[in-house]
Amino acid sequence: MTAVRQRAKAETSESEKLYGIAELASELGITARAIRFYEAKELLAPVRANGGRVYTRRDRARLKLILRAKSIGFSLAEVQQFLELYGSRGEGRPQQVSFLAERSAAMIAELEQKQADIVKTLEELRDIHAQCLQYLAEEGSSPCKAEREGEAGASQVKSRRTAG
């Protein structure tokens, strides 16, 4: 039995709200299959009751954290590392925060570089587009006129096919 599963069993109490897999999936807008996937990756460890999975509020919170981390670009390995830092009673919280600060700073830098690359590419495309429009204007042909002529030509070909 994994450490995650042992912690889950130890932390389940009689008074704690429990969730079934379908209820949890519906509440979080994901599929039961996705939840089982995270369980297979040992990111979640629901207790079993009468052959079914039973999720605690802690499992629900972990799952929400997993989903949020995935949505902002964390890998499953990073999510697992982050969750493992917590420890059995939260003693690893400072290490979690430090890990998150370092990783988020790196991700911000990566995204800012991608944003700068996109801005540069957009500028180049706008320049190319403007040059194309200028060329067409100088040649006496506009993109709209070329489109209309292309549509008219296609209609003539179609009418010839139906007539012949």
C-alpha atoms as a PDB file:
ATOM      1  CA  MET A   1       0.000   0.000   0.000  1.00  0.00           C
ATOM      2  CA  THR A   2       1.412   3.398  -0.967  1.00  0.00           C
ATOM      3  CA  ALA A   3       2.023   6.186   1.504  1.00  0.00           C
ATOM      4  CA  VAL A   4      -0.678   8.282  -0.172  1.00  0.00           C
ATOM      5  CA  ARG A   5      -3.262   5.517   0.254  1.00  0.00           C
ATOM      6  CA  GLN A   6      -2.240   4.943   3.907  1.00  0.00           C
ATOM      7  CA  ARG A   7      -2.642   8.662   4.651  1.00  0.00           C
ATOM      8  CA  ALA A   8      -6.068   8.691   3.023  1.00  0.00           C
ATOM      9  CA  LYS A   9      -7.302   5.793   5.148  1.00  0.00           C
ATOM     10  CA  ALA A  10      -5.917   7.316   8.330  1.00  0.00           C
ATOM     11  CA  GLU A  11      -7.510  10.704   7.671  1.00  0.00           C
ATOM     12  CA  THR A  12     -11.016   9.509   6.878  1.00  0.00           C
ATOM     13  CA  SER A  13     -13.300  10.134   9.817  1.00  0.00           C
ATOM     14  CA  GLU A  14     -16.950   9.357  10.404  1.00  0.00           C
ATOM     15  CA  SER A  15     -18.005  13.029  10.410  1.00  0.00           C
ATOM     16  CA  GLU A  16     -16.156  13.991   7.218  1.00  0.00           C
ATOM     17  CA  LYS A  17     -18.190  14.563   4.047  1.00  0.00           C
ATOM     18  CA  LEU A  18     -17.624  11.833   1.498  1.00  0.00           C
ATOM     19  CA  TYR A  19     -18.066  11.918  -2.269  1.00  0.00           C
ATOM     20  CA  GLY A  20     -18.656   9.217  -4.823  1.00  0.00           C
ATOM     21  CA  ILE A  21     -16.652   9.297  -8.026  1.00  0.00           C
ATOM     22  CA  ALA A  22     -19.640  10.389 -10.156  1.00  0.00           C
ATOM     23  CA  GLU A  23     -20.569  13.148  -7.709  1.00  0.00           C
ATOM     24  CA  LEU A  24     -16.994  14.434  -7.554  1.00  0.00           C
ATOM     25  CA  ALA A  25     -16.572  14.292 -11.329  1.00  0.00           C
ATOM     26  CA  SER A  26     -19.814  16.163 -11.895  1.00  0.00           C
ATOM     27  CA  GLU A  27     -18.985  18.823  -9.313  1.00  0.00           C
ATOM     28  CA  LEU A  28     -15.562  19.500 -10.852  1.00  0.00           C
ATOM     29  CA  GLY A  29     -16.659  19.245 -14.479  1.00  0.00           C
ATOM     30  CA  ILE A  30     -14.426  16.304 -15.362  1.00  0.00           C
ATOM     31  CA  THR A  31     -15.004  12.640 -16.116  1.00  0.00           C
ATOM     32  CA  ALA A  32     -14.779   9.723 -13.722  1.00  0.00           C
ATOM     33  CA  ARG A  33     -12.134   8.379 -16.076  1.00  0.00           C
ATOM     34  CA  ALA A  34      -9.971  11.453 -15.408  1.00  0.00           C
ATOM     35  CA  ILE A  35     -10.286  10.887 -11.670  1.00  0.00           C
ATOM     36  CA  ARG A  36      -9.294   7.223 -12.078  1.00  0.00           C
ATOM     37  CA  PHE A  37      -6.320   8.383 -14.189  1.00  0.00           C
ATOM     38  CA  TYR A  38      -5.074  10.621 -11.366  1.00  0.00           C
ATOM     39  CA  GLU A  39      -5.594   7.743  -8.952  1.00  0.00           C
ATOM     40  CA  ALA A  40      -3.530   5.434 -11.194  1.00  0.00           C
ATOM     41  CA  LYS A  41      -0.765   8.078 -11.175  1.00  0.00           C
ATOM     42  CA  GLU A  42      -0.973   7.970  -7.341  1.00  0.00           C
ATOM     43  CA  LEU A  43      -1.976  11.612  -7.078  1.00  0.00           C
ATOM     44  CA  LEU A  44      -5.209  10.571  -5.360  1.00  0.00           C
ATOM     45  CA  ALA A  45      -5.851   7.675  -3.029  1.00  0.00           C
ATOM     46  CA  PRO A  46      -9.533   7.289  -2.233  1.00  0.00           C
ATOM     47  CA  VAL A  47     -10.598   4.753   0.331  1.00  0.00           C
ATOM     48  CA  ARG A  48     -12.721   1.857  -0.851  1.00  0.00           C
ATOM     49  CA  ALA A  49     -16.124   1.203   0.644  1.00  0.00           C
ATOM     50  CA  ASN A  50     -18.238  -1.706  -0.565  1.00  0.00           C
ATOM     51  CA  GLY A  51     -16.047  -2.030  -3.649  1.00  0.00           C
ATOM     52  CA  GLY A  52     -16.433   1.619  -4.692  1.00  0.00           C
ATOM     53  CA  ARG A  53     -14.206   4.655  -4.407  1.00  0.00           C
ATOM     54  CA  VAL A  54     -15.038   7.100  -1.653  1.00  0.00           C
ATOM     55  CA  TYR A  55     -13.424  10.523  -1.723  1.00  0.00           C
ATOM     56  CA  THR A  56     -12.899  12.780   1.282  1.00  0.00           C
ATOM     57  CA  ARG A  57     -12.893  16.564   1.364  1.00  0.00           C
ATOM     58  CA  ARG A  58      -9.094  16.322   1.368  1.00  0.00           C
ATOM     59  CA  ASP A  59      -9.223  14.210  -1.828  1.00  0.00           C
ATOM     60  CA  ARG A  60     -11.536  16.809  -3.356  1.00  0.00           C
ATOM     61  CA  ALA A  61      -9.114  19.610  -2.417  1.00  0.00           C
ATOM     62  CA  ARG A  62      -6.171  17.638  -3.854  1.00  0.00           C
ATOM     63  CA  LEU A  63      -8.081  17.032  -7.066  1.00  0.00           C
ATOM     64  CA  LYS A  64      -8.947  20.720  -7.404  1.00  0.00           C
ATOM     65  CA  LEU A  65      -5.286  21.555  -6.870  1.00  0.00           C
ATOM     66  CA  ILE A  66      -4.242  18.976  -9.495  1.00  0.00           C
ATOM     67  CA  LEU A  67      -6.702  20.395 -12.013  1.00  0.00           C
ATOM     68  CA  ARG A  68      -5.587  23.964 -11.376  1.00  0.00           C
ATOM     69  CA  ALA A  69      -1.918  23.039 -11.679  1.00  0.00           C
ATOM     70  CA  LYS A  70      -2.577  21.197 -14.953  1.00  0.00           C
ATOM     71  CA  SER A  71      -4.564  24.136 -16.329  1.00  0.00           C
ATOM     72  CA  ILE A  72      -1.619  26.500 -15.857  1.00  0.00           C
ATOM     73  CA  GLY A  73       0.915  24.135 -17.390  1.00  0.00           C
ATOM     74  CA  PHE A  74       2.408  22.023 -14.612  1.00  0.00           C
ATOM     75  CA  SER A  75       3.378  18.487 -15.608  1.00  0.00           C
ATOM     76  CA  LEU A  76       2.019  15.520 -13.671  1.00  0.00           C
ATOM     77  CA  ALA A  77       5.509  14.912 -12.283  1.00  0.00           C
ATOM     78  CA  GLU A  78       5.609  18.476 -10.963  1.00  0.00           C
ATOM     79  CA  VAL A  79       2.144  18.106  -9.465  1.00  0.00           C
ATOM     80  CA  GLN A  80       3.196  14.896  -7.742  1.00  0.00           C
ATOM     81  CA  GLN A  81       6.371  16.507  -6.426  1.00  0.00           C
ATOM     82  CA  PHE A  82       4.367  19.457  -5.121  1.00  0.00           C
ATOM     83  CA  LEU A  83       1.809  17.217  -3.394  1.00  0.00           C
ATOM     84  CA  GLU A  84       4.490  15.022  -1.830  1.00  0.00           C
ATOM     85  CA  LEU A  85       6.174  18.051  -0.285  1.00  0.00           C
ATOM     86  CA  TYR A  86       3.109  18.659   1.885  1.00  0.00           C
ATOM     87  CA  GLY A  87       3.818  15.728   4.192  1.00  0.00           C
ATOM     88  CA  SER A  88       1.320  13.866   6.331  1.00  0.00           C
ATOM     89  CA  ARG A  89       0.373  16.844   8.503  1.00  0.00           C
ATOM     90  CA  GLY A  90       1.355  19.836   6.399  1.00  0.00           C
ATOM     91  CA  GLU A  91       4.893  20.047   7.723  1.00  0.00           C
ATOM     92  CA  GLY A  92       6.211  20.516   4.189  1.00  0.00           C
ATOM     93  CA  ARG A  93       4.102  23.586   3.452  1.00  0.00           C
ATOM     94  CA  PRO A  94       7.111  25.979   3.360  1.00  0.00           C
ATOM     95  CA  GLN A  95       8.848  23.648   0.873  1.00  0.00           C
ATOM     96  CA  GLN A  96       5.675  23.546  -1.220  1.00  0.00           C
ATOM     97  CA  VAL A  97       5.505  27.328  -1.346  1.00  0.00           C
ATOM     98  CA  SER A  98       9.197  27.565  -2.242  1.00  0.00           C
ATOM     99  CA  PHE A  99       8.785  24.978  -5.026  1.00  0.00           C
ATOM    100  CA  LEU A 100       5.720  26.788  -6.338  1.00  0.00           C
ATOM    101  CA  ALA A 101       7.478  30.175  -6.274  1.00  0.00           C
ATOM    102  CA  GLU A 102      10.479  28.835  -8.203  1.00  0.00           C
ATOM    103  CA  ARG A 103       8.429  26.921 -10.763  1.00  0.00           C
ATOM    104  CA  SER A 104       5.930  29.727 -11.332  1.00  0.00           C
ATOM    105  CA  ALA A 105       8.785  32.206 -11.864  1.00  0.00           C
ATOM    106  CA  ALA A 106      10.265  29.901 -14.507  1.00  0.00           C
ATOM    107  CA  MET A 107       6.873  29.474 -16.185  1.00  0.00           C
ATOM    108  CA  ILE A 108       6.295  33.235 -16.197  1.00  0.00           C
ATOM    109  CA  ALA A 109       9.664  33.750 -17.901  1.00  0.00           C
ATOM    110  CA  GLU A 110       8.827  31.077 -20.510  1.00  0.00           C
ATOM    111  CA  LEU A 111       5.412  32.584 -21.233  1.00  0.00           C
ATOM    112  CA  GLU A 112       6.803  36.110 -21.456  1.00  0.00           C
ATOM    113  CA  GLN A 113       9.347  34.890 -24.015  1.00  0.00           C
ATOM    114  CA  LYS A 114       6.591  33.167 -26.001  1.00  0.00           C
ATOM    115  CA  GLN A 115       4.525  36.357 -25.816  1.00  0.00           C
ATOM    116  CA  ALA A 116       7.445  38.402 -27.146  1.00  0.00           C
ATOM    117  CA  ASP A 117       7.914  35.881 -29.965  1.00  0.00           C
ATOM    118  CA  ILE A 118       4.213  36.097 -30.839  1.00  0.00           C
ATOM    119  CA  VAL A 119       4.327  39.905 -30.892  1.00  0.00           C
ATOM    120  CA  LYS A 120       7.324  39.792 -33.242  1.00  0.00           C
ATOM    121  CA  THR A 121       5.626  37.243 -35.515  1.00  0.00           C
ATOM    122  CA  LEU A 122       2.440  39.331 -35.621  1.00  0.00           C
ATOM    123  CA  GLU A 123       4.444  42.406 -36.592  1.00  0.00           C
ATOM    124  CA  GLU A 124       6.111  40.466 -39.423  1.00  0.00           C
ATOM    125  CA  LEU A 125       2.772  39.088 -40.641  1.00  0.00           C
ATOM    126  CA  ARG A 126       1.163  42.540 -40.549  1.00  0.00           C
ATOM    127  CA  ASP A 127       4.070  43.914 -42.578  1.00  0.00           C
ATOM    128  CA  ILE A 128       3.748  41.115 -45.153  1.00  0.00           C
ATOM    129  CA  HIS A 129      -0.021  41.637 -45.301  1.00  0.00           C
ATOM    130  CA  ALA A 130       0.388  45.383 -45.840  1.00  0.00           C
ATOM    131  CA  GLN A 131       2.946  44.795 -48.579  1.00  0.00           C
ATOM    132  CA  CYS A 132       0.597  42.353 -50.316  1.00  0.00           C
ATOM    133  CA  LEU A 133      -2.296  44.840 -50.161  1.00  0.00           C
ATOM    134  CA  GLN A 134      -0.053  47.617 -51.442  1.00  0.00           C
ATOM    135  CA  TYR A 135       1.105  45.459 -54.346  1.00  0.00           C
ATOM    136  CA  LEU A 136      -2.465  44.541 -55.239  1.00  0.00           C
ATOM    137  CA  ALA A 137      -3.541  48.197 -55.064  1.00  0.00           C
ATOM    138  CA  GLU A 138      -0.693  49.248 -57.357  1.00  0.00           C
ATOM    139  CA  GLU A 139      -1.601  46.519 -59.840  1.00  0.00           C
ATOM    140  CA  GLY A 140      -5.231  47.695 -59.822  1.00  0.00           C
ATOM    141  CA  SER A 141      -6.500  44.602 -58.102  1.00  0.00           C
ATOM    142  CA  SER A 142      -7.889  44.483 -54.603  1.00  0.00           C
ATOM    143  CA  PRO A 143      -8.345  41.345 -52.512  1.00  0.00           C
ATOM    144  CA  CYS A 144     -12.117  41.860 -52.550  1.00  0.00           C
ATOM    145  CA  LYS A 145     -12.178  42.268 -56.331  1.00  0.00           C
ATOM    146  CA  ALA A 146     -10.056  39.129 -56.751  1.00  0.00           C
ATOM    147  CA  GLU A 147     -12.437  37.224 -54.474  1.00  0.00           C
ATOM    148  CA  ARG A 148     -15.476  38.383 -56.462  1.00  0.00           C
ATOM    149  CA  GLU A 149     -13.818  37.433 -59.736  1.00  0.00           C
ATOM    150  CA  GLY A 150     -12.900  34.020 -58.286  1.00  0.00           C
ATOM    151  CA  GLU A 151     -16.484  33.434 -57.181  1.00  0.00           C
ATOM    152  CA  ALA A 152     -17.857  34.524 -60.560  1.00  0.00           C
ATOM    153  CA  GLY A 153     -15.417  32.220 -62.343  1.00  0.00           C
ATOM    154  CA  ALA A 154     -16.426  29.312 -60.118  1.00  0.00           C
ATOM    155  CA  SER A 155     -20.116  30.010 -60.857  1.00  0.00           C
ATOM    156  CA  GLN A 156     -19.459  30.016 -64.598  1.00  0.00           C
ATOM    157  CA  VAL A 157     -17.618  26.685 -64.380  1.00  0.00           C
ATOM    158  CA  LYS A 158     -20.433  25.193 -62.325  1.00  0.00           C
ATOM    159  CA  SER A 159     -23.113  26.418 -64.760  1.00  0.00           C
ATOM    160  CA  ARG A 160     -21.168  24.973 -67.689  1.00  0.00           C
ATOM    161  CA  ARG A 161     -20.989  21.583 -65.925  1.00  0.00           C
ATOM    162  CA  THR A 162     -24.739  21.499 -65.282  1.00  0.00           C
ATOM    163  CA  ALA A 163     -25.559  22.666 -68.832  1.00  0.00           C
ATOM    164  CA  GLY A 164     -23.228  20.122 -70.457  1.00  0.00           C
END
